[in-house]
Amino acid sequence: MALTPKEFELLALLTEDPGAVYSRQQILDRVWDPHYEGPTKTLDVHVATLRRKLGNSAWIQTLRGVGFRLAVHARPPAAYQAQASGPQAAYR
């Protein structure tokens, strides 16, 4: 899947500790710049785009008023399972 540099950095941050919650400010500081003063809406746009590219919005969870986290699933989200096929699909 093709990702922009910021999408890649965002996904890399969230995968550092799956299930850990990152505040908006932590993400902006680490993915953009500690001195970033632009609109924070850019984070929402990047999260939405990354969710679309991942094929299921359930992979990135929003905790209202707190931040974002990468979902931890014992099994992949149902939409991902539906897209997968073949006997090895569960191990991709």
PDB file of N, CA and C in Angstrom:
ATOM      1  N   MET A   1       0.849  -1.158   0.000  1.00  0.00           N
ATOM      2  CA  MET A   1       0.000   0.000   0.000  1.00  0.00           C
ATOM      3  C   MET A   1       0.900   1.228   0.000  1.00  0.00           C
ATOM      4  N   ALA A   2       0.532   2.203  -0.783  1.00  0.00           N
ATOM      5  CA  ALA A   2       1.295   3.446  -0.880  1.00  0.00           C
ATOM      6  C   ALA A   2       0.854   4.412   0.217  1.00  0.00           C
ATOM      7  N   LEU A   3       1.820   4.887   0.982  1.00  0.00           N
ATOM      8  CA  LEU A   3       1.550   5.844   2.054  1.00  0.00           C
ATOM      9  C   LEU A   3       2.390   7.092   1.837  1.00  0.00           C
ATOM     10  N   THR A   4       1.843   8.226   2.221  1.00  0.00           N
ATOM     11  CA  THR A   4       2.634   9.452   2.222  1.00  0.00           C
ATOM     12  C   THR A   4       3.613   9.366   3.392  1.00  0.00           C
ATOM     13  N   PRO A   5       4.648  10.192   3.397  1.00  0.00           N
ATOM     14  CA  PRO A   5       5.581  10.155   4.532  1.00  0.00           C
ATOM     15  C   PRO A   5       4.896  10.375   5.885  1.00  0.00           C
ATOM     16  N   LYS A   6       3.955  11.290   5.978  1.00  0.00           N
ATOM     17  CA  LYS A   6       3.269  11.546   7.249  1.00  0.00           C
ATOM     18  C   LYS A   6       2.374  10.370   7.636  1.00  0.00           C
ATOM     19  N   GLU A   7       1.691   9.756   6.675  1.00  0.00           N
ATOM     20  CA  GLU A   7       0.877   8.574   6.974  1.00  0.00           C
ATOM     21  C   GLU A   7       1.753   7.455   7.505  1.00  0.00           C
ATOM     22  N   PHE A   8       2.911   7.279   6.882  1.00  0.00           N
ATOM     23  CA  PHE A   8       3.834   6.239   7.327  1.00  0.00           C
ATOM     24  C   PHE A   8       4.307   6.519   8.755  1.00  0.00           C
ATOM     25  N   GLU A   9       4.701   7.765   9.026  1.00  0.00           N
ATOM     26  CA  GLU A   9       5.172   8.125  10.365  1.00  0.00           C
ATOM     27  C   GLU A   9       4.071   7.943  11.406  1.00  0.00           C
ATOM     28  N   LEU A  10       2.846   8.311  11.043  1.00  0.00           N
ATOM     29  CA  LEU A  10       1.709   8.145  11.949  1.00  0.00           C
ATOM     30  C   LEU A  10       1.473   6.670  12.254  1.00  0.00           C
ATOM     31  N   LEU A  11       1.465   5.851  11.224  1.00  0.00           N
ATOM     32  CA  LEU A  11       1.265   4.411  11.419  1.00  0.00           C
ATOM     33  C   LEU A  11       2.427   3.807  12.213  1.00  0.00           C
ATOM     34  N   ALA A  12       3.637   4.243  11.919  1.00  0.00           N
ATOM     35  CA  ALA A  12       4.805   3.741  12.658  1.00  0.00           C
ATOM     36  C   ALA A  12       4.687   4.084  14.142  1.00  0.00           C
ATOM     37  N   LEU A  13       4.250   5.291  14.450  1.00  0.00           N
ATOM     38  CA  LEU A  13       4.080   5.688  15.848  1.00  0.00           C
ATOM     39  C   LEU A  13       3.037   4.815  16.535  1.00  0.00           C
ATOM     40  N   LEU A  14       1.887   4.644  15.895  1.00  0.00           N
ATOM     41  CA  LEU A  14       0.810   3.860  16.504  1.00  0.00           C
ATOM     42  C   LEU A  14       1.195   2.393  16.684  1.00  0.00           C
ATOM     43  N   THR A  15       2.053   1.876  15.807  1.00  0.00           N
ATOM     44  CA  THR A  15       2.448   0.468  15.906  1.00  0.00           C
ATOM     45  C   THR A  15       3.588   0.246  16.896  1.00  0.00           C
ATOM     46  N   GLU A  16       4.200   1.320  17.386  1.00  0.00           N
ATOM     47  CA  GLU A  16       5.264   1.161  18.386  1.00  0.00           C
ATOM     48  C   GLU A  16       4.750   0.429  19.618  1.00  0.00           C
ATOM     49  N   ASP A  17       3.522   0.738  19.993  1.00  0.00           N
ATOM     50  CA  ASP A  17       2.935   0.135  21.187  1.00  0.00           C
ATOM     51  C   ASP A  17       1.431  -0.047  20.937  1.00  0.00           C
ATOM     52  N   PRO A  18       1.048  -1.086  20.187  1.00  0.00           N
ATOM     53  CA  PRO A  18      -0.368  -1.285  19.870  1.00  0.00           C
ATOM     54  C   PRO A  18      -1.235  -1.287  21.125  1.00  0.00           C
ATOM     55  N   GLY A  19      -2.308  -0.551  21.065  1.00  0.00           N
ATOM     56  CA  GLY A  19      -3.214  -0.448  22.197  1.00  0.00           C
ATOM     57  C   GLY A  19      -2.940   0.763  23.073  1.00  0.00           C
ATOM     58  N   ALA A  20      -1.717   1.300  22.998  1.00  0.00           N
ATOM     59  CA  ALA A  20      -1.388   2.501  23.776  1.00  0.00           C
ATOM     60  C   ALA A  20      -2.094   3.699  23.158  1.00  0.00           C
ATOM     61  N   VAL A  21      -2.560   4.587  24.005  1.00  0.00           N
ATOM     62  CA  VAL A  21      -3.258   5.784  23.545  1.00  0.00           C
ATOM     63  C   VAL A  21      -2.257   6.927  23.421  1.00  0.00           C
ATOM     64  N   TYR A  22      -2.276   7.570  22.271  1.00  0.00           N
ATOM     65  CA  TYR A  22      -1.431   8.733  22.011  1.00  0.00           C
ATOM     66  C   TYR A  22      -2.335   9.960  21.926  1.00  0.00           C
ATOM     67  N   SER A  23      -2.014  10.983  22.690  1.00  0.00           N
ATOM     68  CA  SER A  23      -2.805  12.207  22.631  1.00  0.00           C
ATOM     69  C   SER A  23      -2.540  12.919  21.313  1.00  0.00           C
ATOM     70  N   ARG A  24      -3.450  13.803  20.956  1.00  0.00           N
ATOM     71  CA  ARG A  24      -3.272  14.586  19.740  1.00  0.00           C
ATOM     72  C   ARG A  24      -1.936  15.324  19.785  1.00  0.00           C
ATOM     73  N   GLN A  25      -1.623  15.906  20.946  1.00  0.00           N
ATOM     74  CA  GLN A  25      -0.385  16.673  21.064  1.00  0.00           C
ATOM     75  C   GLN A  25       0.843  15.783  20.934  1.00  0.00           C
ATOM     76  N   GLN A  26       0.805  14.591  21.518  1.00  0.00           N
ATOM     77  CA  GLN A  26       1.930  13.660  21.379  1.00  0.00           C
ATOM     78  C   GLN A  26       2.156  13.313  19.913  1.00  0.00           C
ATOM     79  N   ILE A  27       1.067  13.066  19.198  1.00  0.00           N
ATOM     80  CA  ILE A  27       1.192  12.714  17.781  1.00  0.00           C
ATOM     81  C   ILE A  27       1.729  13.889  16.990  1.00  0.00           C
ATOM     82  N   LEU A  28       1.181  15.077  17.207  1.00  0.00           N
ATOM     83  CA  LEU A  28       1.659  16.256  16.488  1.00  0.00           C
ATOM     84  C   LEU A  28       3.137  16.510  16.788  1.00  0.00           C
ATOM     85  N   ASP A  29       3.535  16.351  18.038  1.00  0.00           N
ATOM     86  CA  ASP A  29       4.936  16.557  18.412  1.00  0.00           C
ATOM     87  C   ASP A  29       5.862  15.556  17.739  1.00  0.00           C
ATOM     88  N   ARG A  30       5.441  14.296  17.667  1.00  0.00           N
ATOM     89  CA  ARG A  30       6.323  13.242  17.141  1.00  0.00           C
ATOM     90  C   ARG A  30       6.267  13.086  15.633  1.00  0.00           C
ATOM     91  N   VAL A  31       5.085  13.274  15.042  1.00  0.00           N
ATOM     92  CA  VAL A  31       4.951  13.058  13.602  1.00  0.00           C
ATOM     93  C   VAL A  31       5.181  14.359  12.828  1.00  0.00           C
ATOM     94  N   TRP A  32       4.722  15.455  13.355  1.00  0.00           N
ATOM     95  CA  TRP A  32       4.927  16.731  12.682  1.00  0.00           C
ATOM     96  C   TRP A  32       6.157  17.411  13.272  1.00  0.00           C
ATOM     97  N   ASP A  33       5.977  18.159  14.331  1.00  0.00           N
ATOM     98  CA  ASP A  33       7.090  18.908  14.909  1.00  0.00           C
ATOM     99  C   ASP A  33       6.640  19.428  16.264  1.00  0.00           C
ATOM    100  N   PRO A  34       7.528  19.423  17.264  1.00  0.00           N
ATOM    101  CA  PRO A  34       7.116  19.939  18.573  1.00  0.00           C
ATOM    102  C   PRO A  34       6.662  21.400  18.533  1.00  0.00           C
ATOM    103  N   HIS A  35       7.075  22.105  17.498  1.00  0.00           N
ATOM    104  CA  HIS A  35       6.718  23.524  17.375  1.00  0.00           C
ATOM    105  C   HIS A  35       5.647  23.755  16.316  1.00  0.00           C
ATOM    106  N   TYR A  36       4.980  22.690  15.880  1.00  0.00           N
ATOM    107  CA  TYR A  36       3.935  22.795  14.858  1.00  0.00           C
ATOM    108  C   TYR A  36       2.813  23.679  15.372  1.00  0.00           C
ATOM    109  N   GLU A  37       2.446  24.676  14.586  1.00  0.00           N
ATOM    110  CA  GLU A  37       1.385  25.597  14.990  1.00  0.00           C
ATOM    111  C   GLU A  37       0.261  25.662  13.968  1.00  0.00           C
ATOM    112  N   GLY A  38       0.232  24.714  13.037  1.00  0.00           N
ATOM    113  CA  GLY A  38      -0.822  24.687  12.032  1.00  0.00           C
ATOM    114  C   GLY A  38      -2.107  24.128  12.611  1.00  0.00           C
ATOM    115  N   PRO A  39      -3.106  23.958  11.752  1.00  0.00           N
ATOM    116  CA  PRO A  39      -4.390  23.422  12.229  1.00  0.00           C
ATOM    117  C   PRO A  39      -4.260  21.962  12.666  1.00  0.00           C
ATOM    118  N   THR A  40      -4.874  21.632  13.804  1.00  0.00           N
ATOM    119  CA  THR A  40      -4.823  20.245  14.271  1.00  0.00           C
ATOM    120  C   THR A  40      -5.746  19.356  13.445  1.00  0.00           C
ATOM    121  N   LYS A  41      -6.586  19.963  12.625  1.00  0.00           N
ATOM    122  CA  LYS A  41      -7.471  19.200  11.739  1.00  0.00           C
ATOM    123  C   LYS A  41      -6.654  18.340  10.782  1.00  0.00           C
ATOM    124  N   THR A  42      -5.424  18.734  10.503  1.00  0.00           N
ATOM    125  CA  THR A  42      -4.573  17.949   9.609  1.00  0.00           C
ATOM    126  C   THR A  42      -4.388  16.536  10.147  1.00  0.00           C
ATOM    127  N   LEU A  43      -4.333  16.390  11.467  1.00  0.00           N
ATOM    128  CA  LEU A  43      -4.221  15.055  12.063  1.00  0.00           C
ATOM    129  C   LEU A  43      -5.459  14.230  11.753  1.00  0.00           C
ATOM    130  N   ASP A  44      -6.636  14.825  11.876  1.00  0.00           N
ATOM    131  CA  ASP A  44      -7.879  14.112  11.578  1.00  0.00           C
ATOM    132  C   ASP A  44      -7.919  13.653  10.124  1.00  0.00           C
ATOM    133  N   VAL A  45      -7.462  14.513   9.225  1.00  0.00           N
ATOM    134  CA  VAL A  45      -7.450  14.177   7.798  1.00  0.00           C
ATOM    135  C   VAL A  45      -6.502  13.009   7.549  1.00  0.00           C
ATOM    136  N   HIS A  46      -5.322  13.043   8.150  1.00  0.00           N
ATOM    137  CA  HIS A  46      -4.358  11.956   7.961  1.00  0.00           C
ATOM    138  C   HIS A  46      -4.865  10.638   8.561  1.00  0.00           C
ATOM    139  N   VAL A  47      -5.508  10.700   9.712  1.00  0.00           N
ATOM    140  CA  VAL A  47      -6.068   9.487  10.323  1.00  0.00           C
ATOM    141  C   VAL A  47      -7.156   8.911   9.416  1.00  0.00           C
ATOM    142  N   ALA A  48      -8.035   9.774   8.901  1.00  0.00           N
ATOM    143  CA  ALA A  48      -9.118   9.305   8.019  1.00  0.00           C
ATOM    144  C   ALA A  48      -8.560   8.657   6.760  1.00  0.00           C
ATOM    145  N   THR A  49      -7.555   9.263   6.175  1.00  0.00           N
ATOM    146  CA  THR A  49      -6.951   8.710   4.961  1.00  0.00           C
ATOM    147  C   THR A  49      -6.268   7.380   5.259  1.00  0.00           C
ATOM    148  N   LEU A  50      -5.574   7.312   6.376  1.00  0.00           N
ATOM    149  CA  LEU A  50      -4.896   6.071   6.754  1.00  0.00           C
ATOM    150  C   LEU A  50      -5.910   4.963   7.027  1.00  0.00           C
ATOM    151  N   ARG A  51      -7.018   5.287   7.667  1.00  0.00           N
ATOM    152  CA  ARG A  51      -8.073   4.294   7.898  1.00  0.00           C
ATOM    153  C   ARG A  51      -8.587   3.731   6.570  1.00  0.00           C
ATOM    154  N   ARG A  52      -8.821   4.611   5.602  1.00  0.00           N
ATOM    155  CA  ARG A  52      -9.291   4.156   4.284  1.00  0.00           C
ATOM    156  C   ARG A  52      -8.274   3.229   3.644  1.00  0.00           C
ATOM    157  N   LYS A  53      -7.023   3.604   3.708  1.00  0.00           N
ATOM    158  CA  LYS A  53      -5.982   2.785   3.078  1.00  0.00           C
ATOM    159  C   LYS A  53      -5.817   1.439   3.781  1.00  0.00           C
ATOM    160  N   LEU A  54      -6.042   1.402   5.082  1.00  0.00           N
ATOM    161  CA  LEU A  54      -5.954   0.140   5.818  1.00  0.00           C
ATOM    162  C   LEU A  54      -7.141  -0.772   5.520  1.00  0.00           C
ATOM    163  N   GLY A  55      -8.203  -0.203   4.964  1.00  0.00           N
ATOM    164  CA  GLY A  55      -9.347  -1.012   4.554  1.00  0.00           C
ATOM    165  C   GLY A  55     -10.400  -1.209   5.621  1.00  0.00           C
ATOM    166  N   ASN A  56     -10.147  -0.704   6.826  1.00  0.00           N
ATOM    167  CA  ASN A  56     -11.124  -0.853   7.897  1.00  0.00           C
ATOM    168  C   ASN A  56     -10.835   0.209   8.954  1.00  0.00           C
ATOM    169  N   SER A  57     -11.816   1.036   9.211  1.00  0.00           N
ATOM    170  CA  SER A  57     -11.613   2.127  10.166  1.00  0.00           C
ATOM    171  C   SER A  57     -11.391   1.622  11.593  1.00  0.00           C
ATOM    172  N   ALA A  58     -11.708   0.363  11.861  1.00  0.00           N
ATOM    173  CA  ALA A  58     -11.556  -0.184  13.209  1.00  0.00           C
ATOM    174  C   ALA A  58     -10.096  -0.326  13.633  1.00  0.00           C
ATOM    175  N   TRP A  59      -9.166  -0.298  12.685  1.00  0.00           N
ATOM    176  CA  TRP A  59      -7.756  -0.450  13.043  1.00  0.00           C
ATOM    177  C   TRP A  59      -7.244   0.717  13.879  1.00  0.00           C
ATOM    178  N   ILE A  60      -7.739   1.927  13.598  1.00  0.00           N
ATOM    179  CA  ILE A  60      -7.323   3.097  14.374  1.00  0.00           C
ATOM    180  C   ILE A  60      -8.542   3.598  15.129  1.00  0.00           C
ATOM    181  N   GLN A  61      -8.461   3.559  16.436  1.00  0.00           N
ATOM    182  CA  GLN A  61      -9.584   3.956  17.275  1.00  0.00           C
ATOM    183  C   GLN A  61      -9.381   5.375  17.788  1.00  0.00           C
ATOM    184  N   THR A  62     -10.481   6.120  17.827  1.00  0.00           N
ATOM    185  CA  THR A  62     -10.483   7.451  18.402  1.00  0.00           C
ATOM    186  C   THR A  62     -11.059   7.350  19.800  1.00  0.00           C
ATOM    187  N   LEU A  63     -10.354   7.885  20.763  1.00  0.00           N
ATOM    188  CA  LEU A  63     -10.870   7.977  22.128  1.00  0.00           C
ATOM    189  C   LEU A  63     -11.182   9.448  22.339  1.00  0.00           C
ATOM    190  N   ARG A  64     -12.447   9.775  22.203  1.00  0.00           N
ATOM    191  CA  ARG A  64     -12.880  11.160  22.230  1.00  0.00           C
ATOM    192  C   ARG A  64     -12.336  11.902  23.451  1.00  0.00           C
ATOM    193  N   GLY A  65     -11.716  13.033  23.186  1.00  0.00           N
ATOM    194  CA  GLY A  65     -11.159  13.859  24.242  1.00  0.00           C
ATOM    195  C   GLY A  65      -9.820  13.363  24.772  1.00  0.00           C
ATOM    196  N   VAL A  66      -9.355  12.213  24.237  1.00  0.00           N
ATOM    197  CA  VAL A  66      -8.099  11.632  24.726  1.00  0.00           C
ATOM    198  C   VAL A  66      -7.077  11.549  23.603  1.00  0.00           C
ATOM    199  N   GLY A  67      -7.395  10.813  22.542  1.00  0.00           N
ATOM    200  CA  GLY A  67      -6.454  10.662  21.444  1.00  0.00           C
ATOM    201  C   GLY A  67      -6.789   9.489  20.555  1.00  0.00           C
ATOM    202  N   PHE A  68      -5.747   8.843  20.048  1.00  0.00           N
ATOM    203  CA  PHE A  68      -5.896   7.734  19.098  1.00  0.00           C
ATOM    204  C   PHE A  68      -5.050   6.558  19.554  1.00  0.00           C
ATOM    205  N   ARG A  69      -5.473   5.367  19.107  1.00  0.00           N
ATOM    206  CA  ARG A  69      -4.665   4.178  19.357  1.00  0.00           C
ATOM    207  C   ARG A  69      -4.880   3.176  18.240  1.00  0.00           C
ATOM    208  N   LEU A  70      -3.885   2.316  18.064  1.00  0.00           N
ATOM    209  CA  LEU A  70      -4.014   1.210  17.131  1.00  0.00           C
ATOM    210  C   LEU A  70      -4.750   0.110  17.868  1.00  0.00           C
ATOM    211  N   ALA A  71      -5.816  -0.382  17.284  1.00  0.00           N
ATOM    212  CA  ALA A  71      -6.623  -1.415  17.929  1.00  0.00           C
ATOM    213  C   ALA A  71      -5.828  -2.707  18.036  1.00  0.00           C
ATOM    214  N   VAL A  72      -6.030  -3.386  19.131  1.00  0.00           N
ATOM    215  CA  VAL A  72      -5.416  -4.689  19.333  1.00  0.00           C
ATOM    216  C   VAL A  72      -6.528  -5.713  19.193  1.00  0.00           C
ATOM    217  N   HIS A  73      -6.400  -6.577  18.203  1.00  0.00           N
ATOM    218  CA  HIS A  73      -7.420  -7.588  17.928  1.00  0.00           C
ATOM    219  C   HIS A  73      -6.791  -8.968  18.057  1.00  0.00           C
ATOM    220  N   ALA A  74      -7.502  -9.856  18.675  1.00  0.00           N
ATOM    221  CA  ALA A  74      -7.043 -11.245  18.699  1.00  0.00           C
ATOM    222  C   ALA A  74      -7.114 -11.816  17.293  1.00  0.00           C
ATOM    223  N   ARG A  75      -8.076 -11.333  16.528  1.00  0.00           N
ATOM    224  CA  ARG A  75      -8.244 -11.704  15.123  1.00  0.00           C
ATOM    225  C   ARG A  75      -8.392 -10.414  14.347  1.00  0.00           C
ATOM    226  N   PRO A  76      -8.050 -10.392  13.063  1.00  0.00           N
ATOM    227  CA  PRO A  76      -8.208  -9.175  12.275  1.00  0.00           C
ATOM    228  C   PRO A  76      -9.666  -8.729  12.249  1.00  0.00           C
ATOM    229  N   PRO A  77      -9.912  -7.420  12.057  1.00  0.00           N
ATOM    230  CA  PRO A  77     -11.294  -6.941  11.953  1.00  0.00           C
ATOM    231  C   PRO A  77     -12.060  -7.706  10.874  1.00  0.00           C
ATOM    232  N   ALA A  78     -13.362  -7.823  11.047  1.00  0.00           N
ATOM    233  CA  ALA A  78     -14.212  -8.618  10.149  1.00  0.00           C
ATOM    234  C   ALA A  78     -14.077  -8.202   8.695  1.00  0.00           C
ATOM    235  N   ALA A  79     -13.996  -6.926   8.407  1.00  0.00           N
ATOM    236  CA  ALA A  79     -13.889  -6.482   7.018  1.00  0.00           C
ATOM    237  C   ALA A  79     -12.602  -6.998   6.381  1.00  0.00           C
ATOM    238  N   TYR A  80     -11.519  -7.051   7.158  1.00  0.00           N
ATOM    239  CA  TYR A  80     -10.265  -7.568   6.642  1.00  0.00           C
ATOM    240  C   TYR A  80     -10.394  -9.058   6.354  1.00  0.00           C
ATOM    241  N   GLN A  81     -11.039  -9.780   7.246  1.00  0.00           N
ATOM    242  CA  GLN A  81     -11.228 -11.209   7.042  1.00  0.00           C
ATOM    243  C   GLN A  81     -12.057 -11.470   5.797  1.00  0.00           C
ATOM    244  N   ALA A  82     -13.062 -10.623   5.562  1.00  0.00           N
ATOM    245  CA  ALA A  82     -13.915 -10.809   4.388  1.00  0.00           C
ATOM    246  C   ALA A  82     -13.124 -10.598   3.105  1.00  0.00           C
ATOM    247  N   GLN A  83     -12.123  -9.695   3.139  1.00  0.00           N
ATOM    248  CA  GLN A  83     -11.319  -9.424   1.948  1.00  0.00           C
ATOM    249  C   GLN A  83     -10.303 -10.535   1.709  1.00  0.00           C
ATOM    250  N   ALA A  84      -9.844 -11.166   2.763  1.00  0.00           N
ATOM    251  CA  ALA A  84      -8.836 -12.213   2.648  1.00  0.00           C
ATOM    252  C   ALA A  84      -9.483 -13.480   2.108  1.00  0.00           C
ATOM    253  N   SER A  85      -8.686 -14.269   1.446  1.00  0.00           N
ATOM    254  CA  SER A  85      -9.228 -15.527   0.938  1.00  0.00           C
ATOM    255  C   SER A  85      -8.151 -16.599   0.982  1.00  0.00           C
ATOM    256  N   GLY A  86      -8.568 -17.829   0.938  1.00  0.00           N
ATOM    257  CA  GLY A  86      -7.628 -18.938   0.920  1.00  0.00           C
ATOM    258  C   GLY A  86      -7.295 -19.425   2.318  1.00  0.00           C
ATOM    259  N   PRO A  87      -6.692 -20.606   2.411  1.00  0.00           N
ATOM    260  CA  PRO A  87      -6.409 -21.215   3.701  1.00  0.00           C
ATOM    261  C   PRO A  87      -5.352 -20.457   4.517  1.00  0.00           C
ATOM    262  N   GLN A  88      -4.492 -19.684   3.882  1.00  0.00           N
ATOM    263  CA  GLN A  88      -3.455 -18.950   4.601  1.00  0.00           C
ATOM    264  C   GLN A  88      -3.913 -17.547   4.978  1.00  0.00           C
ATOM    265  N   ALA A  89      -5.140 -17.153   4.672  1.00  0.00           N
ATOM    266  CA  ALA A  89      -5.609 -15.799   4.898  1.00  0.00           C
ATOM    267  C   ALA A  89      -5.503 -15.365   6.352  1.00  0.00           C
ATOM    268  N   ALA A  90      -5.732 -16.262   7.278  1.00  0.00           N
ATOM    269  CA  ALA A  90      -5.697 -15.902   8.707  1.00  0.00           C
ATOM    270  C   ALA A  90      -4.276 -15.572   9.177  1.00  0.00           C
ATOM    271  N   TYR A  91      -3.274 -15.937   8.403  1.00  0.00           N
ATOM    272  CA  TYR A  91      -1.893 -15.738   8.838  1.00  0.00           C
ATOM    273  C   TYR A  91      -1.195 -14.600   8.118  1.00  0.00           C
ATOM    274  N   ARG A  92      -1.921 -13.810   7.349  1.00  0.00           N
ATOM    275  CA  ARG A  92      -1.304 -12.696   6.623  1.00  0.00           C
ATOM    276  C   ARG A  92      -1.043 -11.545   7.541  1.00  0.00           C
TER     277      ARG A  92
END
